[in-house]
Amino acid sequence: MARSTKSGRGRSRSYYFLIPIVAFTIILGAYVASVSMANGPAAMDYTLKISIQISNPKNTTQATFAGPQRAIGVPGGYWENHTFDAYGVGGNYPVYVDSPPNPYPGYSPIHVKSRIAHNYTLGDLFSVWGQTLGQNNTLGVQAQGPNVDWTMCVGTTATNLRPGLWAAQPLVSGVDIILSYARPCV
């Protein structure tokens, strides 16, 4: 009888070394699953363009283009909001703008690359950028009266532009977005 107790105690001690191995295996499995999900296939993958034009109210014939100074929603770039971090692909937010090209062409490509299908909006981009967006204040530039405010136009060509929905504007493949201060969209 004493012998079986000793054997039983020996067997139970031999299982103690398995606990760290099992714990390590579980943690490693969770890490591999999370990495593969973050780099997995995209349910959505398309690009559209945004042009942000700021005119001097006293001279509405000249406009400067106000693109981001660095990437938005990309590691090392602007990343102020983390609402949809888990849906991004390749370490990016699901709505992002690469580093601005030099020379700047007057628009920024907005990339929508997400692991899940979701109705992303222009407000989602401005939220991760950490900037204001609206008819009375965009990028911190305040409206100065009824004829000196922000306008928003969306369309697939310059001839079919229509008013946009500001923060609620859906990001749709092939649709250009123009934000213009102190003059109509062109």
N, C-alpha and C. Protein backbone atom coordinates (compact mmCIF):
# COMPACT_ATOMS: atom_id res chain seq x y z
N MET A 1 0.82 -1.18 0.00
CA MET A 1 0.00 0.00 0.00
C MET A 1 0.86 1.25 0.00
N ALA A 2 1.91 1.25 0.76
CA ALA A 2 2.81 2.42 0.78
C ALA A 2 3.43 2.62 -0.58
N ARG A 3 3.68 1.52 -1.26
CA ARG A 3 4.30 1.60 -2.56
C ARG A 3 3.40 2.31 -3.57
N SER A 4 2.12 2.01 -3.58
CA SER A 4 1.21 2.65 -4.54
C SER A 4 1.05 4.14 -4.24
N THR A 5 1.13 4.53 -2.96
CA THR A 5 1.03 5.95 -2.62
C THR A 5 2.25 6.69 -3.16
N LYS A 6 3.43 6.06 -3.02
CA LYS A 6 4.65 6.68 -3.52
C LYS A 6 4.59 6.83 -5.04
N SER A 7 4.11 5.81 -5.72
CA SER A 7 3.96 5.87 -7.17
C SER A 7 2.98 6.96 -7.57
N GLY A 8 1.85 7.04 -6.87
CA GLY A 8 0.86 8.06 -7.17
C GLY A 8 1.40 9.46 -6.98
N ARG A 9 2.19 9.64 -5.90
CA ARG A 9 2.78 10.95 -5.64
C ARG A 9 3.81 11.29 -6.71
N GLY A 10 4.55 10.32 -7.15
CA GLY A 10 5.56 10.53 -8.18
C GLY A 10 4.92 10.93 -9.51
N ARG A 11 3.81 10.27 -9.83
CA ARG A 11 3.11 10.60 -11.06
C ARG A 11 2.54 12.01 -11.01
N SER A 12 1.97 12.40 -9.88
CA SER A 12 1.39 13.74 -9.80
C SER A 12 2.47 14.80 -9.89
N ARG A 13 3.64 14.54 -9.36
CA ARG A 13 4.75 15.50 -9.50
C ARG A 13 5.20 15.61 -10.94
N SER A 14 5.17 14.51 -11.67
CA SER A 14 5.61 14.55 -13.06
C SER A 14 4.69 15.40 -13.92
N TYR A 15 3.45 15.59 -13.50
CA TYR A 15 2.52 16.44 -14.26
C TYR A 15 2.78 17.93 -14.04
N TYR A 16 3.46 18.29 -12.96
CA TYR A 16 3.73 19.70 -12.70
C TYR A 16 4.58 20.34 -13.79
N PHE A 17 5.49 19.62 -14.37
CA PHE A 17 6.33 20.19 -15.41
C PHE A 17 5.51 20.45 -16.69
N LEU A 18 4.37 19.81 -16.84
CA LEU A 18 3.53 20.03 -18.01
C LEU A 18 2.77 21.36 -17.96
N ILE A 19 2.53 21.88 -16.77
CA ILE A 19 1.75 23.11 -16.63
C ILE A 19 2.39 24.27 -17.40
N PRO A 20 3.69 24.56 -17.22
CA PRO A 20 4.28 25.66 -18.00
C PRO A 20 4.27 25.38 -19.50
N ILE A 21 4.43 24.14 -19.90
CA ILE A 21 4.42 23.81 -21.32
C ILE A 21 3.04 24.06 -21.92
N VAL A 22 2.01 23.62 -21.23
CA VAL A 22 0.64 23.84 -21.70
C VAL A 22 0.33 25.34 -21.73
N ALA A 23 0.71 26.09 -20.70
CA ALA A 23 0.46 27.52 -20.66
C ALA A 23 1.18 28.22 -21.81
N PHE A 24 2.44 27.85 -22.06
CA PHE A 24 3.21 28.44 -23.15
C PHE A 24 2.54 28.14 -24.50
N THR A 25 2.08 26.93 -24.68
CA THR A 25 1.43 26.54 -25.92
C THR A 25 0.14 27.35 -26.15
N ILE A 26 -0.63 27.55 -25.12
CA ILE A 26 -1.87 28.33 -25.24
C ILE A 26 -1.55 29.78 -25.60
N ILE A 27 -0.57 30.38 -24.92
CA ILE A 27 -0.19 31.76 -25.20
C ILE A 27 0.35 31.90 -26.62
N LEU A 28 1.20 30.98 -27.03
CA LEU A 28 1.75 31.01 -28.38
C LEU A 28 0.65 30.87 -29.42
N GLY A 29 -0.29 29.99 -29.19
CA GLY A 29 -1.41 29.81 -30.11
C GLY A 29 -2.24 31.07 -30.24
N ALA A 30 -2.51 31.73 -29.12
CA ALA A 30 -3.29 32.97 -29.15
C ALA A 30 -2.54 34.05 -29.92
N TYR A 31 -1.23 34.15 -29.72
CA TYR A 31 -0.43 35.15 -30.43
C TYR A 31 -0.44 34.88 -31.93
N VAL A 32 -0.20 33.65 -32.33
CA VAL A 32 -0.19 33.30 -33.75
C VAL A 32 -1.54 33.59 -34.38
N ALA A 33 -2.62 33.28 -33.68
CA ALA A 33 -3.97 33.54 -34.20
C ALA A 33 -4.20 35.04 -34.38
N SER A 34 -3.76 35.84 -33.41
CA SER A 34 -3.99 37.29 -33.52
C SER A 34 -3.16 37.89 -34.64
N VAL A 35 -1.93 37.44 -34.83
CA VAL A 35 -1.09 37.95 -35.92
C VAL A 35 -1.67 37.54 -37.26
N SER A 36 -2.10 36.31 -37.39
CA SER A 36 -2.64 35.87 -38.67
C SER A 36 -3.94 36.58 -38.99
N MET A 37 -4.76 36.91 -37.97
CA MET A 37 -5.99 37.65 -38.22
C MET A 37 -5.68 39.07 -38.65
N ALA A 38 -4.69 39.71 -38.05
CA ALA A 38 -4.34 41.08 -38.40
C ALA A 38 -3.74 41.17 -39.80
N ASN A 39 -3.09 40.12 -40.26
CA ASN A 39 -2.48 40.12 -41.58
C ASN A 39 -3.25 39.25 -42.55
N GLY A 40 -4.44 38.84 -42.17
CA GLY A 40 -5.25 37.99 -43.01
C GLY A 40 -5.82 38.75 -44.19
N PRO A 41 -6.63 38.07 -44.97
CA PRO A 41 -7.18 38.70 -46.17
C PRO A 41 -8.14 39.83 -45.81
N ALA A 42 -8.19 40.80 -46.68
CA ALA A 42 -9.07 41.95 -46.47
C ALA A 42 -10.45 41.66 -47.05
N ALA A 43 -11.49 41.98 -46.30
CA ALA A 43 -12.86 41.87 -46.80
C ALA A 43 -13.18 43.07 -47.69
N MET A 44 -12.47 44.18 -47.44
CA MET A 44 -12.64 45.42 -48.22
C MET A 44 -11.24 45.92 -48.58
N ASP A 45 -11.06 46.33 -49.83
CA ASP A 45 -9.76 46.85 -50.25
C ASP A 45 -9.97 47.73 -51.48
N TYR A 46 -10.02 49.05 -51.28
CA TYR A 46 -10.19 49.98 -52.39
C TYR A 46 -9.62 51.35 -52.00
N THR A 47 -9.56 52.24 -52.98
CA THR A 47 -8.99 53.57 -52.79
C THR A 47 -9.92 54.62 -53.39
N LEU A 48 -9.98 55.78 -52.74
CA LEU A 48 -10.67 56.94 -53.27
C LEU A 48 -9.79 58.16 -53.01
N LYS A 49 -10.19 59.33 -53.47
CA LYS A 49 -9.34 60.52 -53.33
C LYS A 49 -10.07 61.62 -52.58
N ILE A 50 -9.26 62.42 -51.85
CA ILE A 50 -9.78 63.62 -51.20
C ILE A 50 -8.88 64.80 -51.57
N SER A 51 -9.50 65.92 -51.88
CA SER A 51 -8.78 67.15 -52.14
C SER A 51 -9.29 68.19 -51.15
N ILE A 52 -8.38 68.81 -50.43
CA ILE A 52 -8.74 69.83 -49.46
C ILE A 52 -8.14 71.15 -49.96
N GLN A 53 -9.02 72.10 -50.30
CA GLN A 53 -8.59 73.35 -50.91
C GLN A 53 -8.97 74.52 -50.00
N ILE A 54 -7.98 75.34 -49.70
CA ILE A 54 -8.22 76.49 -48.83
C ILE A 54 -7.88 77.75 -49.63
N SER A 55 -8.89 78.61 -49.80
CA SER A 55 -8.70 79.86 -50.54
C SER A 55 -8.70 81.04 -49.57
N ASN A 56 -8.00 82.07 -49.97
CA ASN A 56 -8.05 83.33 -49.24
C ASN A 56 -9.39 83.98 -49.57
N PRO A 57 -10.21 84.32 -48.57
CA PRO A 57 -11.53 84.90 -48.86
C PRO A 57 -11.47 86.15 -49.73
N LYS A 58 -10.37 86.88 -49.70
CA LYS A 58 -10.26 88.11 -50.50
C LYS A 58 -9.81 87.83 -51.93
N ASN A 59 -9.33 86.62 -52.18
CA ASN A 59 -8.85 86.27 -53.51
C ASN A 59 -9.27 84.82 -53.79
N THR A 60 -10.49 84.64 -54.24
CA THR A 60 -11.03 83.29 -54.39
C THR A 60 -10.53 82.56 -55.63
N THR A 61 -9.65 83.19 -56.42
CA THR A 61 -9.14 82.51 -57.60
C THR A 61 -7.95 81.61 -57.27
N GLN A 62 -7.31 81.81 -56.15
CA GLN A 62 -6.16 81.00 -55.76
C GLN A 62 -6.53 80.07 -54.61
N ALA A 63 -6.11 78.84 -54.71
CA ALA A 63 -6.36 77.88 -53.63
C ALA A 63 -5.07 77.14 -53.33
N THR A 64 -4.84 76.90 -52.07
CA THR A 64 -3.74 76.03 -51.68
C THR A 64 -4.34 74.69 -51.28
N PHE A 65 -3.58 73.65 -51.46
CA PHE A 65 -4.04 72.31 -51.13
C PHE A 65 -3.50 71.95 -49.75
N ALA A 66 -4.39 71.51 -48.89
CA ALA A 66 -4.02 71.21 -47.51
C ALA A 66 -4.04 69.71 -47.27
N GLY A 67 -3.05 69.03 -47.76
CA GLY A 67 -2.96 67.59 -47.50
C GLY A 67 -2.30 67.35 -46.16
N PRO A 68 -2.42 66.15 -45.66
CA PRO A 68 -1.78 65.84 -44.38
C PRO A 68 -0.26 65.94 -44.49
N GLN A 69 0.37 66.36 -43.41
CA GLN A 69 1.82 66.51 -43.39
C GLN A 69 2.55 65.17 -43.28
N ARG A 70 1.86 64.17 -42.76
CA ARG A 70 2.43 62.81 -42.71
C ARG A 70 1.27 61.83 -42.82
N ALA A 71 1.58 60.57 -42.86
CA ALA A 71 0.57 59.54 -43.05
C ALA A 71 -0.48 59.57 -41.93
N ILE A 72 -1.67 59.07 -42.25
CA ILE A 72 -2.78 58.99 -41.29
C ILE A 72 -3.16 57.52 -41.15
N GLY A 73 -3.24 57.03 -39.90
CA GLY A 73 -3.65 55.64 -39.66
C GLY A 73 -2.61 54.61 -40.02
N VAL A 74 -1.36 55.06 -40.12
CA VAL A 74 -0.22 54.20 -40.44
C VAL A 74 0.78 54.34 -39.30
N PRO A 75 1.41 53.25 -38.86
CA PRO A 75 2.39 53.39 -37.78
C PRO A 75 3.40 54.49 -38.08
N GLY A 76 3.60 55.37 -37.12
CA GLY A 76 4.50 56.50 -37.29
C GLY A 76 3.81 57.75 -37.80
N GLY A 77 2.55 57.63 -38.20
CA GLY A 77 1.79 58.77 -38.70
C GLY A 77 0.78 59.23 -37.67
N TYR A 78 -0.14 60.07 -38.10
CA TYR A 78 -1.22 60.49 -37.20
C TYR A 78 -2.08 59.27 -36.88
N TRP A 79 -2.37 59.06 -35.59
CA TRP A 79 -3.22 57.93 -35.18
C TRP A 79 -3.83 58.30 -33.84
N GLU A 80 -4.84 59.15 -33.88
CA GLU A 80 -5.43 59.72 -32.67
C GLU A 80 -6.59 58.92 -32.11
N ASN A 81 -7.22 58.09 -32.91
CA ASN A 81 -8.39 57.33 -32.47
C ASN A 81 -8.15 55.85 -32.75
N HIS A 82 -8.62 55.00 -31.87
CA HIS A 82 -8.34 53.56 -32.01
C HIS A 82 -9.61 52.72 -32.08
N THR A 83 -10.73 53.32 -32.48
CA THR A 83 -12.01 52.63 -32.50
C THR A 83 -11.97 51.36 -33.35
N PHE A 84 -11.37 51.41 -34.53
CA PHE A 84 -11.40 50.28 -35.46
C PHE A 84 -10.03 49.61 -35.62
N ASP A 85 -9.14 49.76 -34.67
CA ASP A 85 -7.80 49.17 -34.77
C ASP A 85 -7.84 47.69 -35.14
N ALA A 86 -8.72 46.94 -34.52
CA ALA A 86 -8.76 45.49 -34.71
C ALA A 86 -9.15 45.09 -36.14
N TYR A 87 -9.72 46.01 -36.92
CA TYR A 87 -10.17 45.68 -38.27
C TYR A 87 -9.12 45.97 -39.33
N GLY A 88 -8.04 46.63 -38.96
CA GLY A 88 -7.01 47.00 -39.94
C GLY A 88 -6.24 45.80 -40.45
N VAL A 89 -5.55 46.00 -41.56
CA VAL A 89 -4.75 44.96 -42.19
C VAL A 89 -3.31 45.47 -42.31
N GLY A 90 -2.35 44.61 -42.04
CA GLY A 90 -0.95 44.98 -42.21
C GLY A 90 -0.46 46.02 -41.24
N GLY A 91 -1.06 46.12 -40.06
CA GLY A 91 -0.62 47.07 -39.05
C GLY A 91 -1.20 48.47 -39.23
N ASN A 92 -2.04 48.67 -40.24
CA ASN A 92 -2.65 49.98 -40.49
C ASN A 92 -4.07 50.02 -39.93
N TYR A 93 -4.56 51.23 -39.71
CA TYR A 93 -5.97 51.44 -39.39
C TYR A 93 -6.76 51.06 -40.65
N PRO A 94 -8.01 50.64 -40.56
CA PRO A 94 -8.73 50.22 -41.77
C PRO A 94 -9.00 51.35 -42.76
N VAL A 95 -8.89 52.60 -42.33
CA VAL A 95 -9.02 53.77 -43.20
C VAL A 95 -7.73 54.56 -43.01
N TYR A 96 -6.92 54.69 -44.07
CA TYR A 96 -5.62 55.35 -43.89
C TYR A 96 -5.19 56.10 -45.14
N VAL A 97 -4.24 57.00 -44.93
CA VAL A 97 -3.62 57.76 -46.01
C VAL A 97 -2.12 57.54 -45.88
N ASP A 98 -1.49 57.07 -46.96
CA ASP A 98 -0.04 56.89 -46.96
C ASP A 98 0.67 58.23 -46.81
N SER A 99 1.97 58.18 -46.68
CA SER A 99 2.76 59.41 -46.63
C SER A 99 2.47 60.25 -47.87
N PRO A 100 2.36 61.57 -47.71
CA PRO A 100 2.02 62.41 -48.86
C PRO A 100 3.12 62.39 -49.92
N PRO A 101 2.71 62.31 -51.19
CA PRO A 101 3.72 62.31 -52.25
C PRO A 101 4.35 63.68 -52.40
N ASN A 102 5.53 63.71 -52.96
CA ASN A 102 6.24 64.96 -53.18
C ASN A 102 6.68 64.99 -54.64
N PRO A 103 6.23 65.89 -55.47
CA PRO A 103 5.36 67.02 -55.16
C PRO A 103 3.92 66.55 -54.96
N TYR A 104 3.19 67.33 -54.18
CA TYR A 104 1.82 67.00 -53.84
C TYR A 104 0.92 67.24 -55.06
N PRO A 105 0.12 66.24 -55.49
CA PRO A 105 -0.69 66.41 -56.70
C PRO A 105 -2.02 67.14 -56.49
N GLY A 106 -2.32 67.58 -55.26
CA GLY A 106 -3.57 68.28 -55.00
C GLY A 106 -4.65 67.39 -54.42
N TYR A 107 -4.35 66.14 -54.22
CA TYR A 107 -5.29 65.22 -53.58
C TYR A 107 -4.51 64.17 -52.80
N SER A 108 -5.20 63.55 -51.87
CA SER A 108 -4.60 62.45 -51.10
C SER A 108 -5.42 61.19 -51.34
N PRO A 109 -4.77 60.07 -51.65
CA PRO A 109 -5.53 58.83 -51.78
C PRO A 109 -5.91 58.29 -50.39
N ILE A 110 -7.18 57.98 -50.22
CA ILE A 110 -7.67 57.35 -48.99
C ILE A 110 -7.78 55.85 -49.27
N HIS A 111 -7.12 55.06 -48.47
CA HIS A 111 -7.18 53.60 -48.62
C HIS A 111 -8.16 53.04 -47.59
N VAL A 112 -9.03 52.18 -48.05
CA VAL A 112 -9.92 51.45 -47.16
C VAL A 112 -9.54 49.98 -47.32
N LYS A 113 -8.92 49.45 -46.27
CA LYS A 113 -8.49 48.05 -46.29
C LYS A 113 -8.82 47.47 -44.92
N SER A 114 -9.85 46.64 -44.88
CA SER A 114 -10.41 46.18 -43.62
C SER A 114 -10.65 44.68 -43.65
N ARG A 115 -10.46 44.04 -42.50
CA ARG A 115 -10.71 42.61 -42.39
C ARG A 115 -12.20 42.30 -42.38
N ILE A 116 -13.03 43.29 -42.06
CA ILE A 116 -14.48 43.09 -42.06
C ILE A 116 -15.13 44.12 -42.97
N ALA A 117 -16.30 43.79 -43.49
CA ALA A 117 -17.07 44.75 -44.27
C ALA A 117 -17.73 45.72 -43.30
N HIS A 118 -17.50 46.99 -43.50
CA HIS A 118 -18.04 48.02 -42.62
C HIS A 118 -18.26 49.29 -43.44
N ASN A 119 -19.25 50.07 -43.10
CA ASN A 119 -19.51 51.33 -43.78
C ASN A 119 -18.66 52.44 -43.16
N TYR A 120 -17.41 52.54 -43.58
CA TYR A 120 -16.54 53.59 -43.06
C TYR A 120 -16.95 54.93 -43.65
N THR A 121 -16.71 55.99 -42.88
CA THR A 121 -17.11 57.34 -43.29
C THR A 121 -15.90 58.28 -43.27
N LEU A 122 -16.10 59.46 -43.84
CA LEU A 122 -15.06 60.48 -43.80
C LEU A 122 -14.78 60.88 -42.36
N GLY A 123 -15.81 60.84 -41.52
CA GLY A 123 -15.62 61.12 -40.10
C GLY A 123 -14.65 60.15 -39.45
N ASP A 124 -14.63 58.89 -39.88
CA ASP A 124 -13.68 57.90 -39.34
C ASP A 124 -12.25 58.29 -39.69
N LEU A 125 -12.03 58.77 -40.91
CA LEU A 125 -10.68 59.22 -41.30
C LEU A 125 -10.26 60.43 -40.49
N PHE A 126 -11.14 61.44 -40.37
CA PHE A 126 -10.79 62.64 -39.62
C PHE A 126 -10.61 62.34 -38.14
N SER A 127 -11.31 61.34 -37.64
CA SER A 127 -11.17 60.95 -36.23
C SER A 127 -9.79 60.34 -35.97
N VAL A 128 -9.34 59.45 -36.83
CA VAL A 128 -8.00 58.87 -36.63
C VAL A 128 -6.93 59.94 -36.89
N TRP A 129 -7.21 60.91 -37.75
CA TRP A 129 -6.30 62.01 -38.03
C TRP A 129 -6.26 62.98 -36.85
N GLY A 130 -7.34 63.05 -36.08
CA GLY A 130 -7.41 63.96 -34.95
C GLY A 130 -7.75 65.38 -35.37
N GLN A 131 -8.49 65.53 -36.47
CA GLN A 131 -8.83 66.85 -37.01
C GLN A 131 -10.34 67.08 -37.01
N THR A 132 -10.74 68.35 -36.97
CA THR A 132 -12.15 68.71 -37.05
C THR A 132 -12.63 68.61 -38.49
N LEU A 133 -13.93 68.36 -38.65
CA LEU A 133 -14.53 68.25 -39.96
C LEU A 133 -15.96 68.78 -39.89
N GLY A 134 -16.25 69.83 -40.63
CA GLY A 134 -17.60 70.36 -40.66
C GLY A 134 -17.66 71.66 -41.45
N GLN A 135 -18.85 72.09 -41.79
CA GLN A 135 -19.04 73.29 -42.59
C GLN A 135 -18.53 74.54 -41.89
N ASN A 136 -18.55 74.55 -40.57
CA ASN A 136 -18.10 75.73 -39.82
C ASN A 136 -16.67 75.64 -39.33
N ASN A 137 -16.09 74.45 -39.36
CA ASN A 137 -14.72 74.28 -38.88
C ASN A 137 -14.16 72.97 -39.40
N THR A 138 -13.20 73.06 -40.28
CA THR A 138 -12.48 71.89 -40.79
C THR A 138 -11.00 72.17 -40.65
N LEU A 139 -10.28 71.22 -40.12
CA LEU A 139 -8.83 71.35 -39.92
C LEU A 139 -8.49 72.55 -39.04
N GLY A 140 -9.43 72.96 -38.20
CA GLY A 140 -9.21 74.10 -37.33
C GLY A 140 -9.38 75.44 -38.02
N VAL A 141 -9.79 75.46 -39.29
CA VAL A 141 -10.04 76.70 -40.02
C VAL A 141 -11.53 77.01 -39.87
N GLN A 142 -11.83 78.10 -39.15
CA GLN A 142 -13.20 78.48 -38.82
C GLN A 142 -13.87 79.23 -39.98
N ALA A 143 -15.16 79.00 -40.16
CA ALA A 143 -15.95 79.78 -41.11
C ALA A 143 -15.99 81.23 -40.64
N GLN A 144 -16.03 82.17 -41.60
CA GLN A 144 -16.04 83.58 -41.25
C GLN A 144 -17.31 84.29 -41.69
N GLY A 145 -18.33 83.55 -42.00
CA GLY A 145 -19.60 84.14 -42.43
C GLY A 145 -20.27 83.27 -43.46
N PRO A 146 -21.42 83.69 -43.94
CA PRO A 146 -22.19 82.83 -44.84
C PRO A 146 -21.50 82.55 -46.18
N ASN A 147 -20.68 83.45 -46.68
CA ASN A 147 -20.01 83.24 -47.96
C ASN A 147 -18.56 82.78 -47.79
N VAL A 148 -18.12 82.71 -46.56
CA VAL A 148 -16.75 82.28 -46.30
C VAL A 148 -16.82 81.11 -45.31
N ASP A 149 -17.20 79.97 -45.86
CA ASP A 149 -17.29 78.76 -45.05
C ASP A 149 -16.77 77.58 -45.87
N TRP A 150 -16.92 76.42 -45.33
CA TRP A 150 -16.48 75.21 -46.00
C TRP A 150 -17.62 74.63 -46.84
N THR A 151 -17.28 74.12 -48.00
CA THR A 151 -18.23 73.35 -48.80
C THR A 151 -17.65 71.96 -49.01
N MET A 152 -18.53 71.01 -49.20
CA MET A 152 -18.11 69.64 -49.44
C MET A 152 -18.84 69.12 -50.66
N CYS A 153 -18.09 68.60 -51.61
CA CYS A 153 -18.68 68.03 -52.81
C CYS A 153 -18.12 66.62 -53.01
N VAL A 154 -18.95 65.74 -53.52
CA VAL A 154 -18.52 64.37 -53.82
C VAL A 154 -19.00 64.02 -55.21
N GLY A 155 -18.29 63.15 -55.88
CA GLY A 155 -18.69 62.69 -57.20
C GLY A 155 -17.62 61.84 -57.84
N THR A 156 -17.94 61.33 -59.01
CA THR A 156 -16.97 60.49 -59.72
C THR A 156 -16.22 61.28 -60.79
N THR A 157 -16.74 62.44 -61.16
CA THR A 157 -16.03 63.33 -62.09
C THR A 157 -16.33 64.77 -61.67
N ALA A 158 -15.59 65.69 -62.24
CA ALA A 158 -15.78 67.11 -61.90
C ALA A 158 -17.13 67.64 -62.36
N THR A 159 -17.78 66.95 -63.28
CA THR A 159 -19.07 67.44 -63.80
C THR A 159 -20.27 66.91 -63.02
N ASN A 160 -20.11 65.91 -62.20
CA ASN A 160 -21.27 65.37 -61.47
C ASN A 160 -21.14 65.52 -59.96
N LEU A 161 -20.53 66.61 -59.52
CA LEU A 161 -20.35 66.85 -58.09
C LEU A 161 -21.67 67.21 -57.44
N ARG A 162 -21.85 66.75 -56.21
CA ARG A 162 -23.05 67.05 -55.42
C ARG A 162 -22.61 67.30 -53.99
N PRO A 163 -23.44 67.94 -53.18
CA PRO A 163 -23.07 68.18 -51.77
C PRO A 163 -22.83 66.86 -51.03
N GLY A 164 -21.86 66.89 -50.14
CA GLY A 164 -21.54 65.71 -49.36
C GLY A 164 -22.18 65.73 -47.98
N LEU A 165 -21.97 64.69 -47.24
CA LEU A 165 -22.60 64.49 -45.93
C LEU A 165 -21.65 64.74 -44.76
N TRP A 166 -20.53 65.41 -45.01
CA TRP A 166 -19.55 65.72 -43.98
C TRP A 166 -19.10 64.46 -43.24
N ALA A 167 -19.16 64.42 -41.94
CA ALA A 167 -18.64 63.26 -41.18
C ALA A 167 -19.37 61.97 -41.53
N ALA A 168 -20.62 62.05 -41.96
CA ALA A 168 -21.40 60.86 -42.31
C ALA A 168 -21.16 60.40 -43.75
N GLN A 169 -20.32 61.10 -44.50
CA GLN A 169 -20.08 60.76 -45.90
C GLN A 169 -19.44 59.38 -46.01
N PRO A 170 -20.13 58.44 -46.66
CA PRO A 170 -19.54 57.10 -46.82
C PRO A 170 -18.30 57.15 -47.71
N LEU A 171 -17.33 56.35 -47.38
CA LEU A 171 -16.14 56.21 -48.22
C LEU A 171 -16.42 55.09 -49.22
N VAL A 172 -16.61 55.48 -50.48
CA VAL A 172 -17.01 54.56 -51.53
C VAL A 172 -15.94 54.55 -52.61
N SER A 173 -15.63 53.39 -53.12
CA SER A 173 -14.62 53.25 -54.16
C SER A 173 -14.95 54.13 -55.36
N GLY A 174 -13.94 54.85 -55.85
CA GLY A 174 -14.08 55.65 -57.05
C GLY A 174 -14.76 56.99 -56.89
N VAL A 175 -15.21 57.33 -55.70
CA VAL A 175 -15.88 58.61 -55.47
C VAL A 175 -14.85 59.59 -54.90
N ASP A 176 -14.71 60.73 -55.56
CA ASP A 176 -13.79 61.76 -55.08
C ASP A 176 -14.51 62.66 -54.09
N ILE A 177 -13.77 63.16 -53.10
CA ILE A 177 -14.30 64.08 -52.10
C ILE A 177 -13.49 65.37 -52.18
N ILE A 178 -14.20 66.49 -52.26
CA ILE A 178 -13.54 67.80 -52.29
C ILE A 178 -14.06 68.61 -51.11
N LEU A 179 -13.14 69.09 -50.27
CA LEU A 179 -13.46 70.03 -49.20
C LEU A 179 -12.85 71.35 -49.61
N SER A 180 -13.67 72.40 -49.69
CA SER A 180 -13.18 73.68 -50.18
C SER A 180 -13.59 74.79 -49.22
N TYR A 181 -12.62 75.64 -48.89
CA TYR A 181 -12.87 76.77 -48.00
C TYR A 181 -12.87 78.06 -48.82
N ALA A 182 -13.93 78.86 -48.64
CA ALA A 182 -14.07 80.20 -49.20
C ALA A 182 -14.30 80.23 -50.71
N ARG A 183 -14.66 79.10 -51.30
CA ARG A 183 -15.07 79.11 -52.71
C ARG A 183 -15.80 77.79 -52.99
N PRO A 184 -16.61 77.78 -54.04
CA PRO A 184 -17.31 76.53 -54.37
C PRO A 184 -16.34 75.45 -54.83
N CYS A 185 -16.75 74.22 -54.73
CA CYS A 185 -15.92 73.10 -55.18
C CYS A 185 -15.65 73.22 -56.67
N VAL A 186 -14.42 72.91 -57.06
CA VAL A 186 -14.06 72.87 -58.49
C VAL A 186 -13.29 71.62 -58.79
